[in-house]
Every structure is written in structure tokens, then in C-alpha cells.
Protein backbone atom coordinates (compact mmCIF):
# COMPACT_ATOMS: atom_id res chain seq x y z
CA UNK A 1 -0.01 0.04 0.02
CA UNK A 2 1.46 3.35 -0.87
CA UNK A 3 1.37 6.20 1.63
CA UNK A 4 2.82 9.27 2.64
CA UNK A 5 5.07 9.48 5.74
CA UNK A 6 6.04 12.30 7.75
CA UNK A 7 9.62 12.40 8.53
CA UNK A 8 11.49 14.26 11.19
CA UNK A 9 12.04 17.35 8.94
CA UNK A 10 8.39 17.75 8.95
CA UNK A 11 7.76 16.83 5.03
CA UNK A 12 5.82 14.01 3.69
CA UNK A 13 7.54 11.26 1.73
CA UNK A 14 6.11 8.82 -0.56
CA UNK A 15 6.73 5.10 0.51
CA UNK A 16 5.05 1.58 0.59
CA UNK A 17 4.16 -0.38 3.68
CA UNK A 18 6.28 -3.50 3.81
CA UNK A 19 5.20 -4.65 7.36
CA UNK A 20 2.83 -3.62 10.37
CA UNK A 21 3.58 -4.01 14.17
CA UNK A 22 0.14 -3.56 15.81
CA UNK A 23 1.88 -3.80 19.13
CA UNK A 24 4.16 -0.82 18.67
CA UNK A 25 1.44 1.07 16.29
CA UNK A 26 4.08 1.24 13.55
CA UNK A 27 4.78 0.26 9.96
CA UNK A 28 7.91 -0.65 8.10
CA UNK A 29 7.83 1.87 5.02
CA UNK A 30 10.13 1.50 2.10
CA UNK A 31 10.90 4.72 0.50
CA UNK A 32 11.53 5.73 -3.15
CA UNK A 33 15.23 5.53 -2.39
CA UNK A 34 14.90 2.09 -1.16
CA UNK A 35 15.56 2.94 2.38
CA UNK A 36 13.44 1.32 5.04
CA UNK A 37 12.24 2.85 8.43
CA UNK A 38 9.70 2.06 10.82
CA UNK A 39 7.04 4.85 11.08
CA UNK A 40 4.38 5.56 13.80
CA UNK A 41 0.96 5.33 12.44
CA UNK A 42 0.08 8.99 13.64
CA UNK A 43 2.79 10.03 10.97
CA UNK A 44 1.38 7.90 7.99
CA UNK A 45 -1.24 9.08 5.74
CA UNK A 46 -2.73 6.64 3.20
CA UNK A 47 -4.61 7.41 0.01
CA UNK A 48 -8.30 7.22 0.51
CA UNK A 49 -9.43 4.27 -1.68
CA UNK A 50 -13.08 4.23 -3.04
CA UNK A 51 -15.02 1.63 -1.01
CA UNK A 52 -12.70 1.60 1.79
CA UNK A 53 -14.19 2.40 5.24
CA UNK A 54 -12.70 4.92 7.50
CA UNK A 55 -11.64 3.97 10.98
CA UNK A 56 -11.26 5.40 14.35
CA UNK A 57 -7.77 5.82 15.24
CA UNK A 58 -8.28 4.76 18.77
CA UNK A 59 -10.73 1.84 18.69
CA UNK A 60 -10.01 0.69 14.97
CA UNK A 61 -13.79 0.41 14.38
CA UNK A 62 -15.58 2.04 11.44
CA UNK A 63 -19.04 2.25 12.98
CA UNK A 64 -20.46 5.64 13.13
CA UNK A 65 -23.99 6.37 14.81
CA UNK A 66 -25.74 9.35 15.69
CA UNK A 67 -23.89 10.83 18.74
CA UNK A 68 -20.72 8.96 18.02
CA UNK A 69 -19.71 10.21 14.55
CA UNK A 70 -15.97 9.87 13.18
CA UNK A 71 -14.53 13.26 13.14
CA UNK A 72 -11.27 14.03 11.37
CA UNK A 73 -8.51 15.98 12.89
CA UNK A 74 -7.71 19.05 10.86
CA UNK A 75 -3.93 18.78 11.42
CA UNK A 76 -3.16 15.16 11.30
CA UNK A 77 -6.23 13.95 9.50
CA UNK A 78 -6.78 10.93 11.74
CA UNK A 79 -10.57 10.04 12.43
CA UNK A 80 -11.91 9.61 15.90
CA UNK A 81 -15.20 8.68 17.31
CA UNK A 82 -16.94 11.59 19.27
CA UNK A 83 -16.72 9.28 22.52
CA UNK A 84 -13.38 7.43 21.82
CA UNK A 85 -11.49 10.71 21.98
CA UNK A 86 -10.46 12.05 25.33
CA UNK A 87 -11.94 14.52 26.23
CA UNK A 88 -14.80 13.47 24.22
CA UNK A 89 -15.56 15.64 21.20
CA UNK A 90 -18.53 18.18 21.31
CA UNK A 91 -20.06 18.46 17.83
CA UNK A 92 -21.90 21.71 17.26
CA UNK A 93 -24.41 22.69 14.50
CA UNK A 94 -21.90 24.14 12.18
CA UNK A 95 -19.57 21.30 12.74
CA UNK A 96 -18.39 20.94 9.21
CA UNK A 97 -17.37 24.45 9.07
CA UNK A 98 -15.59 24.59 12.41
CA UNK A 99 -12.11 23.27 12.76
CA UNK A 100 -11.16 20.55 15.23
CA UNK A 101 -7.62 19.43 16.30
CA UNK A 102 -7.15 16.19 18.22
CA UNK A 103 -5.48 15.93 21.80
CA UNK A 104 -2.25 14.42 20.02
CA UNK A 105 -1.97 17.23 17.89
CA UNK A 106 -2.62 19.96 20.51
CA UNK A 107 0.13 18.19 22.82
CA UNK A 108 2.74 18.31 19.88
CA UNK A 109 2.26 21.98 19.19
CA UNK A 110 1.59 23.20 22.91
CA UNK A 111 4.76 21.87 24.59
CA UNK A 112 8.24 22.26 24.67
CA UNK A 113 10.86 19.69 25.05
CA UNK A 114 10.79 18.44 28.60
CA UNK A 115 6.98 18.98 28.78
CA UNK A 116 6.40 22.41 29.58
CA UNK A 117 3.40 24.45 28.17
CA UNK A 118 3.95 27.28 25.70
CA UNK A 119 1.68 30.03 25.49
CA UNK A 120 -1.28 30.51 23.17
CA UNK A 121 -4.62 28.94 22.34
CA UNK A 122 -3.24 25.21 21.93
CA UNK A 123 -1.81 25.39 25.22
CA UNK A 124 -4.81 26.71 26.73
CA UNK A 125 -6.81 23.67 25.41
CA UNK A 126 -4.41 21.64 27.33
CA UNK A 127 -5.42 22.62 30.69
């Protein structure tokens, strides 16, 4: 399966999944230069194939019901059920128009090395 993998420089690189380690939540990806590296699932973006059901990043289920829909993070594009994500996602009536960022992405942009909080709206969301 062809995927885009986010590398340490923040850029996305094209590669193919060669192996999956469910315990470590990572995939062995072979890149165009034939190098192979283990990449965490959170850093892998696969193409949306027609007929392939999207699944929740946490529970790995694709079922979506009223009050527990799959919501996509605007930053990492992973899908989460409203009730799987902590804190639970509170959908509003203008939901498709409003931006939502998952807790993993908030933590990534709101903390400094060592765990200290930065200042700003993302850091406030961590409180």
C-alpha cells in the first residue's frame, strides 16, 4: 500500500508499507530511495481508496452512529469517534465548517521539550 509518511524534517515522503507492528503501532515503510524505516501510525497518511471504510484511530472500528460520529482532525487527518477521543468531542451545529484538532496534535504543538507548556490557544486547550 502506498502511503505518505511524515519525516523528522516535517515533510511528507512517498513510500510503501512492507510490514505492520500492531503492538508498537508502527509500519515498516520502504521509501523511493529503497531505504526502510519504522514509522508510527500517527505519521502515516494513506490514500483514501474508493470503497474503503474509514476507521477510528483509537478503537479501530468504522461504525458511526448518531452521537458518536467519526470526526477528522484538521492537523493530522486521523478520524476519531466522538466518544473515543479524550476529552470527548462536542459537535456543534456548524460542525463541518468549524476546525477541530485532536489531543495528540494539541500536545505536539503546545509543549516544549521537557513537557513545559507554551503560551497560546493550543496550550490553553491542554488545561
